[in-house]
Amino acid sequence: MDLTKNSPENVEFMIEKIKEKLKFMNLGAIKSTHFDGEMYEELKEIYDMIMRKTNFSPNEMQAIAEELGNLRKQ
C-alpha cells in the first residue's frame, strides 16, 4: 500500500490500523468516511506516529482521540 497517495482507500486503511493499534472501545465513533482528502497529511502524520510507538499512556490516548476528532469533517 502506497500511503504517499491521497485516496479514500488509504484513509480507510490508516483509520482501520489506528483503531487496531489503539484498541478504541467505541469503534463506531471513528470511520474513514469522517475524514476527507484535505486532512490527509495530518492524518498520515498521526498514523505514522501511532505505528512507531508500542504503547500509549491514557493521556496520549486522549490526545490522539481529540486530534482525530479535530480532523473530522464538519
N, C-alpha and C. Protein backbone atom coordinates (compact mmCIF):
# COMPACT_ATOMS: atom_id res chain seq x y z
N MET A 1 0.85 -1.18 0.00
CA MET A 1 0.00 0.00 0.00
C MET A 1 0.89 1.24 0.00
N ASP A 2 0.64 2.14 -0.91
CA ASP A 2 1.41 3.37 -1.04
C ASP A 2 0.66 4.50 -0.34
N LEU A 3 1.02 4.76 0.90
CA LEU A 3 0.31 5.78 1.69
C LEU A 3 0.73 7.20 1.34
N THR A 4 1.65 7.36 0.39
CA THR A 4 2.01 8.72 -0.03
C THR A 4 0.94 9.32 -0.92
N LYS A 5 0.01 8.48 -1.40
CA LYS A 5 -1.06 8.95 -2.29
C LYS A 5 -2.33 9.16 -1.49
N ASN A 6 -2.94 10.31 -1.70
CA ASN A 6 -4.18 10.68 -1.03
C ASN A 6 -5.33 9.98 -1.76
N SER A 7 -5.91 8.96 -1.10
CA SER A 7 -7.04 8.26 -1.70
C SER A 7 -7.98 7.80 -0.58
N PRO A 8 -9.25 7.61 -0.91
CA PRO A 8 -10.19 7.10 0.10
C PRO A 8 -9.76 5.74 0.65
N GLU A 9 -9.16 4.92 -0.19
CA GLU A 9 -8.71 3.61 0.26
C GLU A 9 -7.60 3.74 1.30
N ASN A 10 -6.69 4.68 1.09
CA ASN A 10 -5.59 4.89 2.05
C ASN A 10 -6.12 5.46 3.36
N VAL A 11 -7.09 6.36 3.28
CA VAL A 11 -7.70 6.89 4.50
C VAL A 11 -8.34 5.76 5.28
N GLU A 12 -9.09 4.92 4.60
CA GLU A 12 -9.74 3.79 5.27
C GLU A 12 -8.71 2.85 5.90
N PHE A 13 -7.63 2.55 5.17
CA PHE A 13 -6.58 1.68 5.68
C PHE A 13 -5.97 2.26 6.96
N MET A 14 -5.62 3.55 6.92
CA MET A 14 -4.98 4.18 8.09
C MET A 14 -5.91 4.21 9.29
N ILE A 15 -7.17 4.53 9.07
CA ILE A 15 -8.13 4.58 10.18
C ILE A 15 -8.28 3.19 10.80
N GLU A 16 -8.39 2.16 9.97
CA GLU A 16 -8.53 0.80 10.50
C GLU A 16 -7.30 0.39 11.29
N LYS A 17 -6.12 0.71 10.81
CA LYS A 17 -4.88 0.36 11.52
C LYS A 17 -4.77 1.14 12.83
N ILE A 18 -5.18 2.41 12.82
CA ILE A 18 -5.16 3.21 14.06
C ILE A 18 -6.10 2.56 15.08
N LYS A 19 -7.30 2.18 14.65
CA LYS A 19 -8.25 1.56 15.57
C LYS A 19 -7.71 0.24 16.12
N GLU A 20 -7.07 -0.55 15.27
CA GLU A 20 -6.49 -1.82 15.72
C GLU A 20 -5.40 -1.58 16.76
N LYS A 21 -4.52 -0.66 16.46
CA LYS A 21 -3.36 -0.41 17.33
C LYS A 21 -3.79 0.17 18.68
N LEU A 22 -4.76 1.08 18.65
CA LEU A 22 -5.17 1.73 19.89
C LEU A 22 -6.29 1.00 20.60
N LYS A 23 -6.89 0.03 19.92
CA LYS A 23 -7.97 -0.74 20.52
C LYS A 23 -9.07 0.16 21.08
N PHE A 24 -9.51 1.10 20.25
CA PHE A 24 -10.57 2.00 20.67
C PHE A 24 -11.79 1.21 21.11
N MET A 25 -12.38 1.62 22.21
CA MET A 25 -13.55 0.94 22.74
C MET A 25 -14.76 1.12 21.82
N ASN A 26 -15.01 2.35 21.40
CA ASN A 26 -16.16 2.64 20.56
C ASN A 26 -15.71 2.74 19.11
N LEU A 27 -15.58 1.59 18.46
CA LEU A 27 -15.06 1.56 17.09
C LEU A 27 -15.96 2.28 16.10
N GLY A 28 -17.25 2.37 16.40
CA GLY A 28 -18.16 3.06 15.51
C GLY A 28 -17.98 4.56 15.50
N ALA A 29 -17.30 5.08 16.49
CA ALA A 29 -17.13 6.53 16.59
C ALA A 29 -16.13 7.06 15.56
N ILE A 30 -15.26 6.20 15.07
CA ILE A 30 -14.26 6.63 14.11
C ILE A 30 -14.44 5.82 12.84
N LYS A 31 -14.76 6.51 11.76
CA LYS A 31 -14.95 5.86 10.47
C LYS A 31 -14.16 6.62 9.42
N SER A 32 -13.72 5.92 8.41
CA SER A 32 -12.95 6.57 7.35
C SER A 32 -13.79 7.61 6.62
N THR A 33 -15.10 7.45 6.59
CA THR A 33 -15.95 8.43 5.91
C THR A 33 -16.01 9.76 6.64
N HIS A 34 -15.52 9.81 7.87
CA HIS A 34 -15.49 11.06 8.63
C HIS A 34 -14.35 11.97 8.21
N PHE A 35 -13.46 11.47 7.37
CA PHE A 35 -12.26 12.21 7.00
C PHE A 35 -12.25 12.44 5.50
N ASP A 36 -11.72 13.60 5.09
CA ASP A 36 -11.62 13.85 3.67
C ASP A 36 -10.17 14.11 3.28
N GLY A 37 -9.95 14.28 2.00
CA GLY A 37 -8.60 14.44 1.47
C GLY A 37 -7.88 15.68 1.94
N GLU A 38 -8.61 16.69 2.37
CA GLU A 38 -7.98 17.93 2.82
C GLU A 38 -7.13 17.71 4.06
N MET A 39 -7.47 16.74 4.86
CA MET A 39 -6.75 16.47 6.11
C MET A 39 -5.83 15.27 5.99
N TYR A 40 -5.54 14.85 4.77
CA TYR A 40 -4.77 13.62 4.56
C TYR A 40 -3.39 13.67 5.21
N GLU A 41 -2.67 14.76 5.01
CA GLU A 41 -1.31 14.85 5.56
C GLU A 41 -1.32 14.78 7.08
N GLU A 42 -2.28 15.46 7.70
CA GLU A 42 -2.37 15.43 9.16
C GLU A 42 -2.72 14.03 9.65
N LEU A 43 -3.64 13.38 8.97
CA LEU A 43 -4.00 12.00 9.33
C LEU A 43 -2.79 11.08 9.16
N LYS A 44 -2.04 11.25 8.10
CA LYS A 44 -0.85 10.43 7.85
C LYS A 44 0.19 10.63 8.95
N GLU A 45 0.36 11.86 9.41
CA GLU A 45 1.31 12.13 10.49
C GLU A 45 0.88 11.40 11.77
N ILE A 46 -0.40 11.45 12.09
CA ILE A 46 -0.91 10.75 13.27
C ILE A 46 -0.70 9.24 13.10
N TYR A 47 -1.04 8.74 11.94
CA TYR A 47 -0.86 7.31 11.65
C TYR A 47 0.60 6.89 11.84
N ASP A 48 1.53 7.66 11.26
CA ASP A 48 2.95 7.32 11.36
C ASP A 48 3.42 7.31 12.81
N MET A 49 2.99 8.28 13.59
CA MET A 49 3.38 8.37 15.00
C MET A 49 2.83 7.16 15.78
N ILE A 50 1.59 6.81 15.52
CA ILE A 50 0.98 5.68 16.22
C ILE A 50 1.67 4.37 15.86
N MET A 51 2.01 4.19 14.61
CA MET A 51 2.64 2.95 14.18
C MET A 51 4.07 2.81 14.73
N ARG A 52 4.73 3.91 15.05
CA ARG A 52 6.09 3.86 15.60
C ARG A 52 6.11 3.43 17.06
N LYS A 53 5.06 3.77 17.80
CA LYS A 53 5.04 3.50 19.24
C LYS A 53 4.47 2.12 19.55
N THR A 54 4.89 1.57 20.68
CA THR A 54 4.37 0.26 21.07
C THR A 54 3.27 0.34 22.12
N ASN A 55 3.31 1.38 22.97
CA ASN A 55 2.24 1.55 23.95
C ASN A 55 2.01 3.04 24.19
N PHE A 56 0.83 3.32 24.75
CA PHE A 56 0.39 4.69 24.92
C PHE A 56 -0.16 4.90 26.32
N SER A 57 0.14 6.06 26.88
CA SER A 57 -0.42 6.41 28.17
C SER A 57 -1.88 6.84 27.97
N PRO A 58 -2.67 6.85 29.04
CA PRO A 58 -4.04 7.34 28.92
C PRO A 58 -4.10 8.77 28.38
N ASN A 59 -3.15 9.61 28.79
CA ASN A 59 -3.13 10.99 28.29
C ASN A 59 -2.86 11.03 26.79
N GLU A 60 -1.95 10.17 26.33
CA GLU A 60 -1.66 10.12 24.89
C GLU A 60 -2.88 9.63 24.12
N MET A 61 -3.57 8.63 24.66
CA MET A 61 -4.78 8.13 24.00
C MET A 61 -5.83 9.23 23.88
N GLN A 62 -5.98 10.00 24.95
CA GLN A 62 -6.95 11.10 24.94
C GLN A 62 -6.55 12.14 23.91
N ALA A 63 -5.27 12.48 23.86
CA ALA A 63 -4.79 13.50 22.90
C ALA A 63 -4.99 13.02 21.47
N ILE A 64 -4.73 11.75 21.21
CA ILE A 64 -4.92 11.21 19.87
C ILE A 64 -6.40 11.25 19.48
N ALA A 65 -7.25 10.84 20.40
CA ALA A 65 -8.69 10.86 20.14
C ALA A 65 -9.16 12.28 19.85
N GLU A 66 -8.67 13.24 20.61
CA GLU A 66 -9.04 14.64 20.38
C GLU A 66 -8.54 15.13 19.03
N GLU A 67 -7.33 14.77 18.68
CA GLU A 67 -6.77 15.20 17.39
C GLU A 67 -7.54 14.60 16.23
N LEU A 68 -7.88 13.31 16.34
CA LEU A 68 -8.70 12.70 15.29
C LEU A 68 -10.06 13.38 15.20
N GLY A 69 -10.61 13.75 16.36
CA GLY A 69 -11.88 14.47 16.36
C GLY A 69 -11.77 15.82 15.67
N ASN A 70 -10.63 16.49 15.84
CA ASN A 70 -10.41 17.78 15.19
C ASN A 70 -10.30 17.65 13.68
N LEU A 71 -9.85 16.49 13.20
CA LEU A 71 -9.67 16.28 11.76
C LEU A 71 -10.96 15.87 11.05
N ARG A 72 -11.95 15.47 11.82
CA ARG A 72 -13.19 15.00 11.21
C ARG A 72 -13.87 16.11 10.42
N LYS A 73 -14.57 15.70 9.36
CA LYS A 73 -15.34 16.64 8.55
C LYS A 73 -16.41 17.28 9.43
N GLN A 74 -16.65 18.52 9.18
CA GLN A 74 -17.69 19.25 9.93
C GLN A 74 -19.05 19.05 9.30
